[in-house]
Amino acid sequence: MRELLTKYKLVIRFIITFLLVYGVLTIGYNVYLKLSDGSKYYPDYMTNLVARQTNSLLNTIGYEAKILPHPDEASMKIIINGKFVARVIEGCNAVSIIILFLSFIVAFAGKFKSTFFYCFAGSIIVYAFNLIRIVILSAGLYHYPWRKEVLHNVIFPMLIYGTVFLLWMFWVNRFSKNIKANA
């Protein structure tokens, strides 16, 4: 048993670190959600921010867009040219994806400074890509509402998770000390 633990020390450390970071960040995020009463920013600050930024980007690229709190659920409605096209829910704000991203990077940590800056820059990239994803999805749903299932459930999740995967691979191949230690 000791031999197996020694042999797979890095794998075990990766799994434990990943689970600890993921657990702590997820618990922290859930506490944040429970404390968000929606009185100032409905339904919570991050979801509201993503909806407002989506609205701004849609207006910038030529759509007449507006957002409204959804009367029946904790979400923000995206309306383009008077047509309700999508809703931004808590799961659309990219926080859960960023938590997953950060957990992997910290579990495969390199030097502190490069890990910290990569976590920061990667989180911004994931957040920005998610925002662009919602804008394109909203415009796509406006023009092609019959393509909702394939756009929302296949193409756009594949793109956001594909982006996270590429960021992970770049990290592992460029900065992670675990790979260099095993090379």
C-alpha atoms as a PDB file:
ATOM      1  CA  MET A   1       0.000   0.000   0.000  1.00  0.00           C
ATOM      2  CA  ARG A   2       2.828   2.387   0.883  1.00  0.00           C
ATOM      3  CA  GLU A   3       4.412   1.682  -2.498  1.00  0.00           C
ATOM      4  CA  LEU A   4       1.187   2.605  -4.300  1.00  0.00           C
ATOM      5  CA  LEU A   5       0.878   5.830  -2.308  1.00  0.00           C
ATOM      6  CA  THR A   6       4.462   6.722  -3.154  1.00  0.00           C
ATOM      7  CA  LYS A   7       4.004   5.830  -6.811  1.00  0.00           C
ATOM      8  CA  TYR A   8       0.802   7.850  -7.209  1.00  0.00           C
ATOM      9  CA  LYS A   9       1.671  10.674  -4.803  1.00  0.00           C
ATOM     10  CA  LEU A  10       1.251  13.398  -7.443  1.00  0.00           C
ATOM     11  CA  VAL A  11      -2.092  12.005  -8.628  1.00  0.00           C
ATOM     12  CA  ILE A  12      -3.411  11.757  -5.082  1.00  0.00           C
ATOM     13  CA  ARG A  13      -2.182  15.269  -4.271  1.00  0.00           C
ATOM     14  CA  PHE A  14      -3.846  16.588  -7.447  1.00  0.00           C
ATOM     15  CA  ILE A  15      -7.193  14.950  -6.599  1.00  0.00           C
ATOM     16  CA  ILE A  16      -7.161  16.093  -2.973  1.00  0.00           C
ATOM     17  CA  THR A  17      -6.127  19.650  -3.874  1.00  0.00           C
ATOM     18  CA  PHE A  18      -8.706  19.835  -6.658  1.00  0.00           C
ATOM     19  CA  LEU A  19     -11.507  18.591  -4.391  1.00  0.00           C
ATOM     20  CA  LEU A  20     -10.509  20.917  -1.532  1.00  0.00           C
ATOM     21  CA  VAL A  21     -10.311  24.027  -3.707  1.00  0.00           C
ATOM     22  CA  TYR A  22     -13.502  23.097  -5.562  1.00  0.00           C
ATOM     23  CA  GLY A  23     -15.314  22.406  -2.275  1.00  0.00           C
ATOM     24  CA  VAL A  24     -14.207  25.623  -0.576  1.00  0.00           C
ATOM     25  CA  LEU A  25     -15.015  27.818  -3.595  1.00  0.00           C
ATOM     26  CA  THR A  26     -18.371  26.103  -4.168  1.00  0.00           C
ATOM     27  CA  ILE A  27     -19.364  26.466  -0.509  1.00  0.00           C
ATOM     28  CA  GLY A  28     -18.292  30.121  -0.606  1.00  0.00           C
ATOM     29  CA  TYR A  29     -20.332  30.723  -3.751  1.00  0.00           C
ATOM     30  CA  ASN A  30     -23.378  29.008  -2.258  1.00  0.00           C
ATOM     31  CA  VAL A  31     -23.073  31.194   0.862  1.00  0.00           C
ATOM     32  CA  TYR A  32     -22.915  34.240  -1.429  1.00  0.00           C
ATOM     33  CA  LEU A  33     -26.080  33.067  -3.237  1.00  0.00           C
ATOM     34  CA  LYS A  34     -27.913  32.495   0.043  1.00  0.00           C
ATOM     35  CA  LEU A  35     -26.950  35.991   1.237  1.00  0.00           C
ATOM     36  CA  SER A  36     -28.106  37.588  -2.033  1.00  0.00           C
ATOM     37  CA  ASP A  37     -31.642  38.724  -1.373  1.00  0.00           C
ATOM     38  CA  GLY A  38     -32.109  40.287  -4.819  1.00  0.00           C
ATOM     39  CA  SER A  39     -33.361  43.577  -3.418  1.00  0.00           C
ATOM     40  CA  LYS A  40     -30.695  45.709  -5.098  1.00  0.00           C
ATOM     41  CA  TYR A  41     -29.410  43.420  -7.856  1.00  0.00           C
ATOM     42  CA  TYR A  42     -31.956  40.842  -8.973  1.00  0.00           C
ATOM     43  CA  PRO A  43     -31.562  37.844  -8.756  1.00  0.00           C
ATOM     44  CA  ASP A  44     -27.970  38.246  -7.505  1.00  0.00           C
ATOM     45  CA  TYR A  45     -25.154  40.648  -8.318  1.00  0.00           C
ATOM     46  CA  MET A  46     -23.178  38.426 -10.723  1.00  0.00           C
ATOM     47  CA  THR A  47     -26.204  37.257 -12.720  1.00  0.00           C
ATOM     48  CA  ASN A  48     -27.497  40.823 -12.896  1.00  0.00           C
ATOM     49  CA  LEU A  49     -24.068  42.054 -14.027  1.00  0.00           C
ATOM     50  CA  VAL A  50     -23.880  39.461 -16.801  1.00  0.00           C
ATOM     51  CA  ALA A  51     -27.401  40.399 -17.961  1.00  0.00           C
ATOM     52  CA  ARG A  52     -26.569  44.138 -17.970  1.00  0.00           C
ATOM     53  CA  GLN A  53     -23.303  43.575 -19.857  1.00  0.00           C
ATOM     54  CA  THR A  54     -25.078  41.312 -22.350  1.00  0.00           C
ATOM     55  CA  ASN A  55     -27.638  44.072 -22.878  1.00  0.00           C
ATOM     56  CA  SER A  56     -24.890  46.653 -23.457  1.00  0.00           C
ATOM     57  CA  LEU A  57     -23.072  44.427 -25.949  1.00  0.00           C
ATOM     58  CA  LEU A  58     -26.277  43.637 -27.841  1.00  0.00           C
ATOM     59  CA  ASN A  59     -27.057  47.359 -28.110  1.00  0.00           C
ATOM     60  CA  THR A  60     -23.469  48.068 -29.181  1.00  0.00           C
ATOM     61  CA  ILE A  61     -23.685  45.640 -32.103  1.00  0.00           C
ATOM     62  CA  GLY A  62     -26.932  47.154 -33.358  1.00  0.00           C
ATOM     63  CA  TYR A  63     -29.783  45.349 -31.644  1.00  0.00           C
ATOM     64  CA  GLU A  64     -32.436  47.205 -29.694  1.00  0.00           C
ATOM     65  CA  ALA A  65     -32.129  45.160 -26.528  1.00  0.00           C
ATOM     66  CA  LYS A  66     -33.340  45.507 -22.981  1.00  0.00           C
ATOM     67  CA  ILE A  67     -33.368  43.361 -19.881  1.00  0.00           C
ATOM     68  CA  LEU A  68     -36.127  42.936 -17.332  1.00  0.00           C
ATOM     69  CA  PRO A  69     -36.436  40.903 -14.158  1.00  0.00           C
ATOM     70  CA  HIS A  70     -38.401  37.741 -14.887  1.00  0.00           C
ATOM     71  CA  PRO A  71     -41.676  37.879 -12.919  1.00  0.00           C
ATOM     72  CA  ASP A  72     -41.930  34.115 -12.344  1.00  0.00           C
ATOM     73  CA  GLU A  73     -38.357  32.984 -11.655  1.00  0.00           C
ATOM     74  CA  ALA A  74     -34.986  34.220 -10.445  1.00  0.00           C
ATOM     75  CA  SER A  75     -33.625  35.360 -13.802  1.00  0.00           C
ATOM     76  CA  MET A  76     -33.330  38.321 -16.134  1.00  0.00           C
ATOM     77  CA  LYS A  77     -35.210  38.365 -19.438  1.00  0.00           C
ATOM     78  CA  ILE A  78     -33.342  39.428 -22.575  1.00  0.00           C
ATOM     79  CA  ILE A  79     -35.609  41.186 -25.030  1.00  0.00           C
ATOM     80  CA  ILE A  80     -34.452  42.070 -28.537  1.00  0.00           C
ATOM     81  CA  ASN A  81     -36.609  44.383 -30.671  1.00  0.00           C
ATOM     82  CA  GLY A  82     -39.553  43.715 -28.362  1.00  0.00           C
ATOM     83  CA  LYS A  83     -39.174  39.918 -28.584  1.00  0.00           C
ATOM     84  CA  PHE A  84     -38.325  37.843 -25.493  1.00  0.00           C
ATOM     85  CA  VAL A  85     -35.445  35.641 -26.662  1.00  0.00           C
ATOM     86  CA  ALA A  86     -33.625  34.320 -23.602  1.00  0.00           C
ATOM     87  CA  ARG A  87     -33.186  34.521 -19.881  1.00  0.00           C
ATOM     88  CA  VAL A  88     -30.036  34.845 -17.849  1.00  0.00           C
ATOM     89  CA  ILE A  89     -30.163  32.557 -14.827  1.00  0.00           C
ATOM     90  CA  GLU A  90     -27.592  32.050 -12.082  1.00  0.00           C
ATOM     91  CA  GLY A  91     -25.989  29.215 -14.072  1.00  0.00           C
ATOM     92  CA  CYS A  92     -25.291  31.596 -16.968  1.00  0.00           C
ATOM     93  CA  ASN A  93     -22.975  33.891 -15.029  1.00  0.00           C
ATOM     94  CA  ALA A  94     -19.883  31.657 -15.494  1.00  0.00           C
ATOM     95  CA  VAL A  95     -19.024  31.561 -11.778  1.00  0.00           C
ATOM     96  CA  SER A  96     -19.393  27.765 -11.572  1.00  0.00           C
ATOM     97  CA  ILE A  97     -17.205  27.329 -14.643  1.00  0.00           C
ATOM     98  CA  ILE A  98     -14.599  29.698 -13.214  1.00  0.00           C
ATOM     99  CA  ILE A  99     -14.611  27.700  -9.957  1.00  0.00           C
ATOM    100  CA  LEU A 100     -13.955  24.520 -11.961  1.00  0.00           C
ATOM    101  CA  PHE A 101     -11.191  26.267 -13.921  1.00  0.00           C
ATOM    102  CA  LEU A 102      -9.511  27.639 -10.781  1.00  0.00           C
ATOM    103  CA  SER A 103      -9.684  24.299  -8.977  1.00  0.00           C
ATOM    104  CA  PHE A 104      -7.798  22.583 -11.790  1.00  0.00           C
ATOM    105  CA  ILE A 105      -5.160  25.312 -12.083  1.00  0.00           C
ATOM    106  CA  VAL A 106      -4.481  25.376  -8.340  1.00  0.00           C
ATOM    107  CA  ALA A 107      -4.342  21.560  -8.233  1.00  0.00           C
ATOM    108  CA  PHE A 108      -1.722  21.698 -11.012  1.00  0.00           C
ATOM    109  CA  ALA A 109      -0.006  24.747  -9.546  1.00  0.00           C
ATOM    110  CA  GLY A 110       3.241  26.118 -10.830  1.00  0.00           C
ATOM    111  CA  LYS A 111       5.155  28.960  -9.222  1.00  0.00           C
ATOM    112  CA  PHE A 112       2.931  31.100  -7.013  1.00  0.00           C
ATOM    113  CA  LYS A 113       3.194  34.240  -9.140  1.00  0.00           C
ATOM    114  CA  SER A 114       2.470  32.499 -12.455  1.00  0.00           C
ATOM    115  CA  THR A 115      -0.358  30.466 -10.882  1.00  0.00           C
ATOM    116  CA  PHE A 116      -1.941  33.598  -9.417  1.00  0.00           C
ATOM    117  CA  PHE A 117      -1.734  35.589 -12.661  1.00  0.00           C
ATOM    118  CA  TYR A 118      -2.923  32.672 -14.787  1.00  0.00           C
ATOM    119  CA  CYS A 119      -5.903  32.163 -12.455  1.00  0.00           C
ATOM    120  CA  PHE A 120      -6.723  35.866 -12.751  1.00  0.00           C
ATOM    121  CA  ALA A 121      -6.236  36.107 -16.522  1.00  0.00           C
ATOM    122  CA  GLY A 122      -7.945  32.778 -17.202  1.00  0.00           C
ATOM    123  CA  SER A 123     -10.965  33.798 -15.110  1.00  0.00           C
ATOM    124  CA  ILE A 124     -11.270  37.011 -17.115  1.00  0.00           C
ATOM    125  CA  ILE A 125     -11.004  35.062 -20.381  1.00  0.00           C
ATOM    126  CA  VAL A 126     -13.669  32.567 -19.290  1.00  0.00           C
ATOM    127  CA  TYR A 127     -15.941  35.381 -18.082  1.00  0.00           C
ATOM    128  CA  ALA A 128     -15.499  37.413 -21.290  1.00  0.00           C
ATOM    129  CA  PHE A 129     -15.973  34.375 -23.518  1.00  0.00           C
ATOM    130  CA  ASN A 130     -19.129  33.492 -21.592  1.00  0.00           C
ATOM    131  CA  LEU A 131     -20.459  37.016 -22.110  1.00  0.00           C
ATOM    132  CA  ILE A 132     -19.781  36.827 -25.847  1.00  0.00           C
ATOM    133  CA  ARG A 133     -21.408  33.380 -25.869  1.00  0.00           C
ATOM    134  CA  ILE A 134     -24.609  34.776 -24.332  1.00  0.00           C
ATOM    135  CA  VAL A 135     -24.670  37.688 -26.790  1.00  0.00           C
ATOM    136  CA  ILE A 136     -24.256  35.391 -29.799  1.00  0.00           C
ATOM    137  CA  LEU A 137     -26.761  32.919 -28.362  1.00  0.00           C
ATOM    138  CA  SER A 138     -29.319  35.697 -27.804  1.00  0.00           C
ATOM    139  CA  ALA A 139     -28.857  37.017 -31.336  1.00  0.00           C
ATOM    140  CA  GLY A 140     -29.048  33.467 -32.675  1.00  0.00           C
ATOM    141  CA  LEU A 141     -32.269  32.814 -30.773  1.00  0.00           C
ATOM    142  CA  TYR A 142     -33.697  36.067 -32.110  1.00  0.00           C
ATOM    143  CA  HIS A 143     -32.995  35.088 -35.722  1.00  0.00           C
ATOM    144  CA  TYR A 144     -33.293  31.289 -35.469  1.00  0.00           C
ATOM    145  CA  PRO A 145     -35.616  30.414 -32.561  1.00  0.00           C
ATOM    146  CA  TRP A 146     -36.247  26.950 -34.008  1.00  0.00           C
ATOM    147  CA  ARG A 147     -32.549  26.148 -33.430  1.00  0.00           C
ATOM    148  CA  LYS A 148     -32.820  26.722 -29.652  1.00  0.00           C
ATOM    149  CA  GLU A 149     -31.991  23.171 -28.577  1.00  0.00           C
ATOM    150  CA  VAL A 150     -28.857  22.785 -30.679  1.00  0.00           C
ATOM    151  CA  LEU A 151     -27.633  26.328 -29.943  1.00  0.00           C
ATOM    152  CA  HIS A 152     -28.236  26.274 -26.191  1.00  0.00           C
ATOM    153  CA  ASN A 153     -27.631  22.614 -25.369  1.00  0.00           C
ATOM    154  CA  VAL A 154     -24.868  21.592 -27.795  1.00  0.00           C
ATOM    155  CA  ILE A 155     -22.886  24.294 -29.563  1.00  0.00           C
ATOM    156  CA  PHE A 156     -22.479  26.928 -26.861  1.00  0.00           C
ATOM    157  CA  PRO A 157     -21.732  24.570 -23.927  1.00  0.00           C
ATOM    158  CA  MET A 158     -19.189  22.842 -26.152  1.00  0.00           C
ATOM    159  CA  LEU A 159     -17.532  26.189 -26.877  1.00  0.00           C
ATOM    160  CA  ILE A 160     -17.344  27.387 -23.263  1.00  0.00           C
ATOM    161  CA  TYR A 161     -16.100  24.067 -21.909  1.00  0.00           C
ATOM    162  CA  GLY A 162     -13.771  23.758 -24.888  1.00  0.00           C
ATOM    163  CA  THR A 163     -12.272  27.134 -23.993  1.00  0.00           C
ATOM    164  CA  VAL A 164     -11.723  26.017 -20.396  1.00  0.00           C
ATOM    165  CA  PHE A 165     -10.138  22.788 -21.620  1.00  0.00           C
ATOM    166  CA  LEU A 166      -7.755  24.691 -23.923  1.00  0.00           C
ATOM    167  CA  LEU A 167      -6.778  27.015 -21.062  1.00  0.00           C
ATOM    168  CA  TRP A 168      -6.112  23.959 -18.878  1.00  0.00           C
ATOM    169  CA  MET A 169      -3.959  22.319 -21.548  1.00  0.00           C
ATOM    170  CA  PHE A 170      -2.011  25.525 -22.110  1.00  0.00           C
ATOM    171  CA  TRP A 171      -1.409  25.749 -18.349  1.00  0.00           C
ATOM    172  CA  VAL A 172      -0.292  22.143 -17.991  1.00  0.00           C
ATOM    173  CA  ASN A 173       2.060  22.329 -20.967  1.00  0.00           C
ATOM    174  CA  ARG A 174       3.541  25.766 -20.230  1.00  0.00           C
ATOM    175  CA  PHE A 175       3.528  26.510 -16.518  1.00  0.00           C
ATOM    176  CA  SER A 176       2.726  23.536 -14.319  1.00  0.00           C
ATOM    177  CA  LYS A 177       5.617  22.374 -12.152  1.00  0.00           C
ATOM    178  CA  ASN A 178       4.044  18.887 -11.861  1.00  0.00           C
ATOM    179  CA  ILE A 179       4.690  18.138 -15.537  1.00  0.00           C
ATOM    180  CA  LYS A 180       8.252  19.471 -15.376  1.00  0.00           C
ATOM    181  CA  ALA A 181       8.936  17.360 -12.290  1.00  0.00           C
ATOM    182  CA  ASN A 182       7.903  14.213 -14.163  1.00  0.00           C
ATOM    183  CA  ALA A 183       9.688  15.019 -17.433  1.00  0.00           C
END
